[in-house]
Structure formats: C-alpha cells, structure tokens
C-alpha cells in the first residue's frame, strides 16, 4: 500500500456516515464477497471493505430506481430482482 502525505484526508473520511440494518445472511454473504473480491485483485493499493461494496450496491440500485414498485420490502425486491426466492 502506498503511504499518503500527512495533510491528505483519508478516502473513507470523505464519505457521509450512514447506518443500514442488514440481515444476518446479508452480512455473511457481503463478507464472503469482500474476501473473494479482495483476494482476486491484482492492484491492492485501495482497501476494499464491506462499505465499498455497499456503496457500489447503492449505485446499482439508484441506476435501476425506475424499476422499483411495491408497498413492502418484499414487493420492491421482486420488482427489481424477480421471484422472491428467499422469502425475505
């Protein structure tokens, strides 16, 4: 990893702090994905965290926001992902 000059703000501090409540299965799958993605990279200068993947997921959700419909979380999930396989 490359060291940053003392006066440069760490990248993670440039983001707004937000909280999300996730299911146990989401937390576990996210950690597994993070480990896989981090291990497969060839350039490891940037740290990959669960938050990195969550920001990407939010970008993907916003890109497809025109597809969201429904009154409940399950209905909105179906409108984006199709059949509610996990009944979450």
PDB file of N, CA and C in Angstrom:
ATOM      1  N   UNK A   1       0.826  -1.172   0.000  1.00  0.00           N
ATOM      2  CA  UNK A   1       0.000   0.000   0.000  1.00  0.00           C
ATOM      3  C   UNK A   1       0.881   1.251   0.000  1.00  0.00           C
ATOM      4  N   UNK A   2       0.452   2.250  -0.723  1.00  0.00           N
ATOM      5  CA  UNK A   2       1.189   3.498  -0.795  1.00  0.00           C
ATOM      6  C   UNK A   2       0.813   4.387   0.389  1.00  0.00           C
ATOM      7  N   UNK A   3       1.806   4.997   1.019  1.00  0.00           N
ATOM      8  CA  UNK A   3       1.530   5.908   2.138  1.00  0.00           C
ATOM      9  C   UNK A   3       1.087   7.254   1.598  1.00  0.00           C
ATOM     10  N   UNK A   4       0.153   7.887   2.286  1.00  0.00           N
ATOM     11  CA  UNK A   4      -0.370   9.189   1.886  1.00  0.00           C
ATOM     12  C   UNK A   4       0.339  10.288   2.672  1.00  0.00           C
ATOM     13  N   UNK A   5       0.475  11.460   2.068  1.00  0.00           N
ATOM     14  CA  UNK A   5       1.041  12.586   2.817  1.00  0.00           C
ATOM     15  C   UNK A   5       0.178  12.895   4.037  1.00  0.00           C
ATOM     16  N   UNK A   6       0.779  13.428   5.079  1.00  0.00           N
ATOM     17  CA  UNK A   6       0.085  13.731   6.337  1.00  0.00           C
ATOM     18  C   UNK A   6      -1.136  14.630   6.150  1.00  0.00           C
ATOM     19  N   UNK A   7      -1.077  15.572   5.201  1.00  0.00           N
ATOM     20  CA  UNK A   7      -2.158  16.533   5.051  1.00  0.00           C
ATOM     21  C   UNK A   7      -3.305  16.036   4.174  1.00  0.00           C
ATOM     22  N   UNK A   8      -3.205  14.849   3.614  1.00  0.00           N
ATOM     23  CA  UNK A   8      -4.266  14.320   2.752  1.00  0.00           C
ATOM     24  C   UNK A   8      -5.301  13.576   3.594  1.00  0.00           C
ATOM     25  N   UNK A   9      -6.570  13.928   3.421  1.00  0.00           N
ATOM     26  CA  UNK A   9      -7.657  13.289   4.158  1.00  0.00           C
ATOM     27  C   UNK A   9      -7.825  11.856   3.677  1.00  0.00           C
ATOM     28  N   UNK A  10      -7.919  10.888   4.597  1.00  0.00           N
ATOM     29  CA  UNK A  10      -8.158   9.506   4.182  1.00  0.00           C
ATOM     30  C   UNK A  10      -9.462   9.408   3.390  1.00  0.00           C
ATOM     31  N   UNK A  11      -9.482   8.583   2.356  1.00  0.00           N
ATOM     32  CA  UNK A  11     -10.621   8.480   1.459  1.00  0.00           C
ATOM     33  C   UNK A  11     -11.922   8.192   2.214  1.00  0.00           C
ATOM     34  N   UNK A  12     -11.869   7.278   3.181  1.00  0.00           N
ATOM     35  CA  UNK A  12     -13.102   6.911   3.887  1.00  0.00           C
ATOM     36  C   UNK A  12     -13.703   8.102   4.627  1.00  0.00           C
ATOM     37  N   UNK A  13     -12.901   9.080   4.998  1.00  0.00           N
ATOM     38  CA  UNK A  13     -13.416  10.248   5.710  1.00  0.00           C
ATOM     39  C   UNK A  13     -14.067  11.262   4.772  1.00  0.00           C
ATOM     40  N   UNK A  14     -14.009  11.020   3.467  1.00  0.00           N
ATOM     41  CA  UNK A  14     -14.671  11.917   2.517  1.00  0.00           C
ATOM     42  C   UNK A  14     -16.128  11.521   2.306  1.00  0.00           C
ATOM     43  N   UNK A  15     -16.541  10.400   2.866  1.00  0.00           N
ATOM     44  CA  UNK A  15     -17.907   9.908   2.713  1.00  0.00           C
ATOM     45  C   UNK A  15     -18.766  10.305   3.912  1.00  0.00           C
ATOM     46  N   UNK A  16     -20.063  10.420   3.683  1.00  0.00           N
ATOM     47  CA  UNK A  16     -21.023  10.717   4.746  1.00  0.00           C
ATOM     48  C   UNK A  16     -21.335   9.419   5.481  1.00  0.00           C
ATOM     49  N   UNK A  17     -21.292   9.468   6.786  1.00  0.00           N
ATOM     50  CA  UNK A  17     -21.608   8.282   7.582  1.00  0.00           C
ATOM     51  C   UNK A  17     -23.105   8.030   7.546  1.00  0.00           C
ATOM     52  N   UNK A  18     -23.473   6.781   7.332  1.00  0.00           N
ATOM     53  CA  UNK A  18     -24.869   6.370   7.313  1.00  0.00           C
ATOM     54  C   UNK A  18     -24.959   4.992   7.938  1.00  0.00           C
ATOM     55  N   UNK A  19     -26.124   4.651   8.423  1.00  0.00           N
ATOM     56  CA  UNK A  19     -26.309   3.352   9.054  1.00  0.00           C
ATOM     57  C   UNK A  19     -27.325   2.553   8.257  1.00  0.00           C
ATOM     58  N   UNK A  20     -27.073   1.275   8.131  1.00  0.00           N
ATOM     59  CA  UNK A  20     -28.025   0.372   7.489  1.00  0.00           C
ATOM     60  C   UNK A  20     -28.153  -0.869   8.355  1.00  0.00           C
ATOM     61  N   UNK A  21     -29.347  -1.348   8.485  1.00  0.00           N
ATOM     62  CA  UNK A  21     -29.597  -2.592   9.220  1.00  0.00           C
ATOM     63  C   UNK A  21     -29.704  -3.707   8.190  1.00  0.00           C
ATOM     64  N   UNK A  22     -28.835  -4.695   8.305  1.00  0.00           N
ATOM     65  CA  UNK A  22     -28.804  -5.805   7.361  1.00  0.00           C
ATOM     66  C   UNK A  22     -29.173  -7.098   8.065  1.00  0.00           C
ATOM     67  N   UNK A  23     -29.682  -8.053   7.268  1.00  0.00           N
ATOM     68  CA  UNK A  23     -29.974  -9.385   7.810  1.00  0.00           C
ATOM     69  C   UNK A  23     -28.655 -10.137   8.011  1.00  0.00           C
ATOM     70  N   UNK A  24     -28.687 -11.139   8.880  1.00  0.00           N
ATOM     71  CA  UNK A  24     -27.502 -11.958   9.130  1.00  0.00           C
ATOM     72  C   UNK A  24     -26.953 -12.567   7.841  1.00  0.00           C
ATOM     73  N   UNK A  25     -27.852 -13.076   6.981  1.00  0.00           N
ATOM     74  CA  UNK A  25     -27.397 -13.704   5.747  1.00  0.00           C
ATOM     75  C   UNK A  25     -26.739 -12.689   4.809  1.00  0.00           C
ATOM     76  N   UNK A  26     -27.212 -11.443   4.831  1.00  0.00           N
ATOM     77  CA  UNK A  26     -26.605 -10.399   4.006  1.00  0.00           C
ATOM     78  C   UNK A  26     -25.208 -10.047   4.509  1.00  0.00           C
ATOM     79  N   UNK A  27     -25.064  -9.941   5.821  1.00  0.00           N
ATOM     80  CA  UNK A  27     -23.759  -9.625   6.407  1.00  0.00           C
ATOM     81  C   UNK A  27     -22.749 -10.722   6.064  1.00  0.00           C
ATOM     82  N   UNK A  28     -23.165 -11.972   6.214  1.00  0.00           N
ATOM     83  CA  UNK A  28     -22.262 -13.091   5.921  1.00  0.00           C
ATOM     84  C   UNK A  28     -21.888 -13.132   4.441  1.00  0.00           C
ATOM     85  N   UNK A  29     -22.875 -12.970   3.569  1.00  0.00           N
ATOM     86  CA  UNK A  29     -22.607 -13.008   2.125  1.00  0.00           C
ATOM     87  C   UNK A  29     -21.743 -11.831   1.694  1.00  0.00           C
ATOM     88  N   UNK A  30     -21.972 -10.673   2.289  1.00  0.00           N
ATOM     89  CA  UNK A  30     -21.178  -9.493   1.968  1.00  0.00           C
ATOM     90  C   UNK A  30     -19.717  -9.700   2.367  1.00  0.00           C
ATOM     91  N   UNK A  31     -19.478 -10.258   3.533  1.00  0.00           N
ATOM     92  CA  UNK A  31     -18.112 -10.529   3.989  1.00  0.00           C
ATOM     93  C   UNK A  31     -17.427 -11.550   3.081  1.00  0.00           C
ATOM     94  N   UNK A  32     -18.163 -12.578   2.684  1.00  0.00           N
ATOM     95  CA  UNK A  32     -17.612 -13.583   1.764  1.00  0.00           C
ATOM     96  C   UNK A  32     -17.246 -12.947   0.426  1.00  0.00           C
ATOM     97  N   UNK A  33     -18.144 -12.115  -0.093  1.00  0.00           N
ATOM     98  CA  UNK A  33     -17.883 -11.431  -1.356  1.00  0.00           C
ATOM     99  C   UNK A  33     -16.676 -10.508  -1.234  1.00  0.00           C
ATOM    100  N   UNK A  34     -16.598  -9.747  -0.148  1.00  0.00           N
ATOM    101  CA  UNK A  34     -15.463  -8.843   0.060  1.00  0.00           C
ATOM    102  C   UNK A  34     -14.148  -9.604   0.066  1.00  0.00           C
ATOM    103  N   UNK A  35     -14.103 -10.722   0.773  1.00  0.00           N
ATOM    104  CA  UNK A  35     -12.870 -11.518   0.825  1.00  0.00           C
ATOM    105  C   UNK A  35     -12.502 -12.037  -0.556  1.00  0.00           C
ATOM    106  N   UNK A  36     -13.494 -12.510  -1.312  1.00  0.00           N
ATOM    107  CA  UNK A  36     -13.217 -13.032  -2.657  1.00  0.00           C
ATOM    108  C   UNK A  36     -12.708 -11.939  -3.583  1.00  0.00           C
ATOM    109  N   UNK A  37     -13.409 -10.812  -3.586  1.00  0.00           N
ATOM    110  CA  UNK A  37     -13.019  -9.696  -4.454  1.00  0.00           C
ATOM    111  C   UNK A  37     -11.616  -9.215  -4.083  1.00  0.00           C
ATOM    112  N   UNK A  38     -11.354  -9.060  -2.800  1.00  0.00           N
ATOM    113  CA  UNK A  38     -10.044  -8.590  -2.350  1.00  0.00           C
ATOM    114  C   UNK A  38      -8.936  -9.563  -2.735  1.00  0.00           C
ATOM    115  N   UNK A  39      -9.208 -10.855  -2.618  1.00  0.00           N
ATOM    116  CA  UNK A  39      -8.195 -11.865  -2.935  1.00  0.00           C
ATOM    117  C   UNK A  39      -7.900 -11.956  -4.430  1.00  0.00           C
ATOM    118  N   UNK A  40      -8.888 -11.678  -5.278  1.00  0.00           N
ATOM    119  CA  UNK A  40      -8.728 -11.824  -6.723  1.00  0.00           C
ATOM    120  C   UNK A  40      -8.114 -10.599  -7.392  1.00  0.00           C
ATOM    121  N   UNK A  41      -7.983  -9.503  -6.671  1.00  0.00           N
ATOM    122  CA  UNK A  41      -7.453  -8.275  -7.275  1.00  0.00           C
ATOM    123  C   UNK A  41      -5.975  -8.400  -7.588  1.00  0.00           C
ATOM    124  N   UNK A  42      -5.551  -7.684  -8.610  1.00  0.00           N
ATOM    125  CA  UNK A  42      -4.121  -7.615  -8.915  1.00  0.00           C
ATOM    126  C   UNK A  42      -3.517  -6.320  -8.387  1.00  0.00           C
ATOM    127  N   UNK A  43      -4.314  -5.256  -8.297  1.00  0.00           N
ATOM    128  CA  UNK A  43      -3.873  -3.974  -7.747  1.00  0.00           C
ATOM    129  C   UNK A  43      -4.508  -3.829  -6.373  1.00  0.00           C
ATOM    130  N   UNK A  44      -3.707  -3.895  -5.345  1.00  0.00           N
ATOM    131  CA  UNK A  44      -4.234  -3.874  -3.980  1.00  0.00           C
ATOM    132  C   UNK A  44      -3.904  -2.572  -3.252  1.00  0.00           C
ATOM    133  N   UNK A  45      -3.752  -1.483  -4.015  1.00  0.00           N
ATOM    134  CA  UNK A  45      -3.432  -0.206  -3.379  1.00  0.00           C
ATOM    135  C   UNK A  45      -4.624   0.381  -2.649  1.00  0.00           C
ATOM    136  N   UNK A  46      -5.830   0.079  -3.094  1.00  0.00           N
ATOM    137  CA  UNK A  46      -7.031   0.592  -2.441  1.00  0.00           C
ATOM    138  C   UNK A  46      -7.646  -0.516  -1.597  1.00  0.00           C
ATOM    139  N   UNK A  47      -7.984  -0.196  -0.372  1.00  0.00           N
ATOM    140  CA  UNK A  47      -8.595  -1.168   0.528  1.00  0.00           C
ATOM    141  C   UNK A  47     -10.055  -1.390   0.129  1.00  0.00           C
ATOM    142  N   UNK A  48     -10.472  -2.643   0.056  1.00  0.00           N
ATOM    143  CA  UNK A  48     -11.859  -2.994  -0.236  1.00  0.00           C
ATOM    144  C   UNK A  48     -12.511  -3.427   1.075  1.00  0.00           C
ATOM    145  N   UNK A  49     -13.629  -2.770   1.401  1.00  0.00           N
ATOM    146  CA  UNK A  49     -14.335  -3.066   2.648  1.00  0.00           C
ATOM    147  C   UNK A  49     -15.788  -3.424   2.322  1.00  0.00           C
ATOM    148  N   UNK A  50     -16.502  -3.854   3.337  1.00  0.00           N
ATOM    149  CA  UNK A  50     -17.941  -4.083   3.157  1.00  0.00           C
ATOM    150  C   UNK A  50     -18.610  -2.796   2.685  1.00  0.00           C
ATOM    151  N   UNK A  51     -18.191  -1.664   3.241  1.00  0.00           N
ATOM    152  CA  UNK A  51     -18.768  -0.382   2.836  1.00  0.00           C
ATOM    153  C   UNK A  51     -18.503  -0.076   1.361  1.00  0.00           C
ATOM    154  N   UNK A  52     -17.356  -0.467   0.855  1.00  0.00           N
ATOM    155  CA  UNK A  52     -17.059  -0.288  -0.572  1.00  0.00           C
ATOM    156  C   UNK A  52     -18.139  -0.974  -1.400  1.00  0.00           C
ATOM    157  N   UNK A  53     -18.425  -2.224  -1.058  1.00  0.00           N
ATOM    158  CA  UNK A  53     -19.415  -2.999  -1.808  1.00  0.00           C
ATOM    159  C   UNK A  53     -20.820  -2.445  -1.607  1.00  0.00           C
ATOM    160  N   UNK A  54     -21.115  -1.952  -0.418  1.00  0.00           N
ATOM    161  CA  UNK A  54     -22.439  -1.361  -0.163  1.00  0.00           C
ATOM    162  C   UNK A  54     -22.615  -0.106  -1.018  1.00  0.00           C
ATOM    163  N   UNK A  55     -21.566   0.727  -1.145  1.00  0.00           N
ATOM    164  CA  UNK A  55     -21.668   1.925  -1.998  1.00  0.00           C
ATOM    165  C   UNK A  55     -21.927   1.538  -3.448  1.00  0.00           C
ATOM    166  N   UNK A  56     -21.268   0.490  -3.913  1.00  0.00           N
ATOM    167  CA  UNK A  56     -21.496   0.013  -5.283  1.00  0.00           C
ATOM    168  C   UNK A  56     -22.931  -0.490  -5.433  1.00  0.00           C
ATOM    169  N   UNK A  57     -23.417  -1.215  -4.436  1.00  0.00           N
ATOM    170  CA  UNK A  57     -24.798  -1.720  -4.470  1.00  0.00           C
ATOM    171  C   UNK A  57     -25.801  -0.575  -4.508  1.00  0.00           C
ATOM    172  N   UNK A  58     -25.543   0.481  -3.758  1.00  0.00           N
ATOM    173  CA  UNK A  58     -26.438   1.646  -3.766  1.00  0.00           C
ATOM    174  C   UNK A  58     -26.423   2.300  -5.146  1.00  0.00           C
ATOM    175  N   UNK A  59     -25.239   2.426  -5.756  1.00  0.00           N
ATOM    176  CA  UNK A  59     -25.164   2.975  -7.115  1.00  0.00           C
ATOM    177  C   UNK A  59     -25.981   2.139  -8.097  1.00  0.00           C
ATOM    178  N   UNK A  60     -25.897   0.820  -7.978  1.00  0.00           N
ATOM    179  CA  UNK A  60     -26.655  -0.082  -8.844  1.00  0.00           C
ATOM    180  C   UNK A  60     -28.155   0.091  -8.614  1.00  0.00           C
ATOM    181  N   UNK A  61     -28.564   0.160  -7.356  1.00  0.00           N
ATOM    182  CA  UNK A  61     -29.971   0.372  -7.020  1.00  0.00           C
ATOM    183  C   UNK A  61     -30.477   1.687  -7.607  1.00  0.00           C
ATOM    184  N   UNK A  62     -29.707   2.742  -7.452  1.00  0.00           N
ATOM    185  CA  UNK A  62     -30.128   4.044  -7.972  1.00  0.00           C
ATOM    186  C   UNK A  62     -30.200   4.058  -9.496  1.00  0.00           C
ATOM    187  N   UNK A  63     -29.308   3.347 -10.145  1.00  0.00           N
ATOM    188  CA  UNK A  63     -29.347   3.263 -11.604  1.00  0.00           C
ATOM    189  C   UNK A  63     -30.638   2.603 -12.086  1.00  0.00           C
ATOM    190  N   UNK A  64     -31.162   1.674 -11.291  1.00  0.00           N
ATOM    191  CA  UNK A  64     -32.375   0.940 -11.661  1.00  0.00           C
ATOM    192  C   UNK A  64     -33.601   1.403 -10.876  1.00  0.00           C
ATOM    193  N   UNK A  65     -33.526   2.595 -10.320  1.00  0.00           N
ATOM    194  CA  UNK A  65     -34.603   3.089  -9.466  1.00  0.00           C
ATOM    195  C   UNK A  65     -35.939   3.195 -10.195  1.00  0.00           C
ATOM    196  N   UNK A  66     -35.909   3.355 -11.502  1.00  0.00           N
ATOM    197  CA  UNK A  66     -37.149   3.448 -12.275  1.00  0.00           C
ATOM    198  C   UNK A  66     -37.939   2.138 -12.265  1.00  0.00           C
ATOM    199  N   UNK A  67     -37.297   1.040 -11.872  1.00  0.00           N
ATOM    200  CA  UNK A  67     -37.946  -0.270 -11.846  1.00  0.00           C
ATOM    201  C   UNK A  67     -38.625  -0.576 -10.510  1.00  0.00           C
ATOM    202  N   UNK A  68     -38.345   0.220  -9.492  1.00  0.00           N
ATOM    203  CA  UNK A  68     -38.854  -0.085  -8.156  1.00  0.00           C
ATOM    204  C   UNK A  68     -40.343   0.240  -8.065  1.00  0.00           C
ATOM    205  N   UNK A  69     -41.099  -0.739  -7.600  1.00  0.00           N
ATOM    206  CA  UNK A  69     -42.511  -0.528  -7.315  1.00  0.00           C
ATOM    207  C   UNK A  69     -42.903  -1.489  -6.208  1.00  0.00           C
ATOM    208  N   UNK A  70     -43.977  -1.179  -5.535  1.00  0.00           N
ATOM    209  CA  UNK A  70     -44.461  -2.045  -4.462  1.00  0.00           C
ATOM    210  C   UNK A  70     -44.642  -1.281  -3.176  1.00  0.00           C
ATOM    211  N   UNK A  71     -45.349  -1.912  -2.251  1.00  0.00           N
ATOM    212  CA  UNK A  71     -45.660  -1.302  -0.964  1.00  0.00           C
ATOM    213  C   UNK A  71     -44.827  -1.844   0.180  1.00  0.00           C
ATOM    214  N   UNK A  72     -44.170  -2.980  -0.028  1.00  0.00           N
ATOM    215  CA  UNK A  72     -43.379  -3.596   1.032  1.00  0.00           C
ATOM    216  C   UNK A  72     -41.975  -3.878   0.505  1.00  0.00           C
ATOM    217  N   UNK A  73     -41.079  -4.186   1.429  1.00  0.00           N
ATOM    218  CA  UNK A  73     -39.717  -4.530   1.031  1.00  0.00           C
ATOM    219  C   UNK A  73     -39.725  -5.719   0.073  1.00  0.00           C
ATOM    220  N   UNK A  74     -40.509  -6.737   0.386  1.00  0.00           N
ATOM    221  CA  UNK A  74     -40.570  -7.928  -0.469  1.00  0.00           C
ATOM    222  C   UNK A  74     -41.069  -7.580  -1.871  1.00  0.00           C
ATOM    223  N   UNK A  75     -42.100  -6.740  -1.957  1.00  0.00           N
ATOM    224  CA  UNK A  75     -42.633  -6.349  -3.270  1.00  0.00           C
ATOM    225  C   UNK A  75     -41.609  -5.535  -4.061  1.00  0.00           C
ATOM    226  N   UNK A  76     -40.920  -4.629  -3.376  1.00  0.00           N
ATOM    227  CA  UNK A  76     -39.902  -3.825  -4.065  1.00  0.00           C
ATOM    228  C   UNK A  76     -38.741  -4.700  -4.528  1.00  0.00           C
ATOM    229  N   UNK A  77     -38.344  -5.672  -3.692  1.00  0.00           N
ATOM    230  CA  UNK A  77     -37.280  -6.599  -4.075  1.00  0.00           C
ATOM    231  C   UNK A  77     -37.690  -7.376  -5.326  1.00  0.00           C
ATOM    232  N   UNK A  78     -38.929  -7.885  -5.345  1.00  0.00           N
ATOM    233  CA  UNK A  78     -39.429  -8.624  -6.515  1.00  0.00           C
ATOM    234  C   UNK A  78     -39.430  -7.751  -7.765  1.00  0.00           C
ATOM    235  N   UNK A  79     -39.791  -6.479  -7.615  1.00  0.00           N
ATOM    236  CA  UNK A  79     -39.849  -5.597  -8.779  1.00  0.00           C
ATOM    237  C   UNK A  79     -38.465  -5.390  -9.387  1.00  0.00           C
ATOM    238  N   UNK A  80     -37.432  -5.535  -8.590  1.00  0.00           N
ATOM    239  CA  UNK A  80     -36.067  -5.381  -9.100  1.00  0.00           C
ATOM    240  C   UNK A  80     -35.407  -6.708  -9.444  1.00  0.00           C
ATOM    241  N   UNK A  81     -35.636  -7.713  -8.615  1.00  0.00           N
ATOM    242  CA  UNK A  81     -34.886  -8.969  -8.725  1.00  0.00           C
ATOM    243  C   UNK A  81     -35.686 -10.142  -9.261  1.00  0.00           C
ATOM    244  N   UNK A  82     -36.999  -9.969  -9.414  1.00  0.00           N
ATOM    245  CA  UNK A  82     -37.832 -11.076  -9.867  1.00  0.00           C
ATOM    246  C   UNK A  82     -38.361 -11.869  -8.692  1.00  0.00           C
ATOM    247  N   UNK A  83     -38.573 -13.151  -8.908  1.00  0.00           N
ATOM    248  CA  UNK A  83     -39.167 -14.028  -7.887  1.00  0.00           C
ATOM    249  C   UNK A  83     -38.435 -13.892  -6.554  1.00  0.00           C
ATOM    250  N   UNK A  84     -39.216 -13.864  -5.478  1.00  0.00           N
ATOM    251  CA  UNK A  84     -38.693 -13.720  -4.134  1.00  0.00           C
ATOM    252  C   UNK A  84     -38.217 -15.084  -3.636  1.00  0.00           C
ATOM    253  N   UNK A  85     -37.039 -15.480  -4.065  1.00  0.00           N
ATOM    254  CA  UNK A  85     -36.512 -16.822  -3.807  1.00  0.00           C
ATOM    255  C   UNK A  85     -36.352 -17.112  -2.315  1.00  0.00           C
ATOM    256  N   UNK A  86     -35.814 -16.142  -1.580  1.00  0.00           N
ATOM    257  CA  UNK A  86     -35.519 -16.367  -0.159  1.00  0.00           C
ATOM    258  C   UNK A  86     -36.667 -15.987   0.767  1.00  0.00           C
ATOM    259  N   UNK A  87     -37.777 -15.519   0.226  1.00  0.00           N
ATOM    260  CA  UNK A  87     -38.912 -15.076   1.057  1.00  0.00           C
ATOM    261  C   UNK A  87     -38.452 -14.129   2.175  1.00  0.00           C
ATOM    262  N   UNK A  88     -37.535 -13.244   1.889  1.00  0.00           N
ATOM    263  CA  UNK A  88     -37.014 -12.297   2.887  1.00  0.00           C
ATOM    264  C   UNK A  88     -37.919 -11.101   2.961  1.00  0.00           C
TER     265      UNK A  88
END
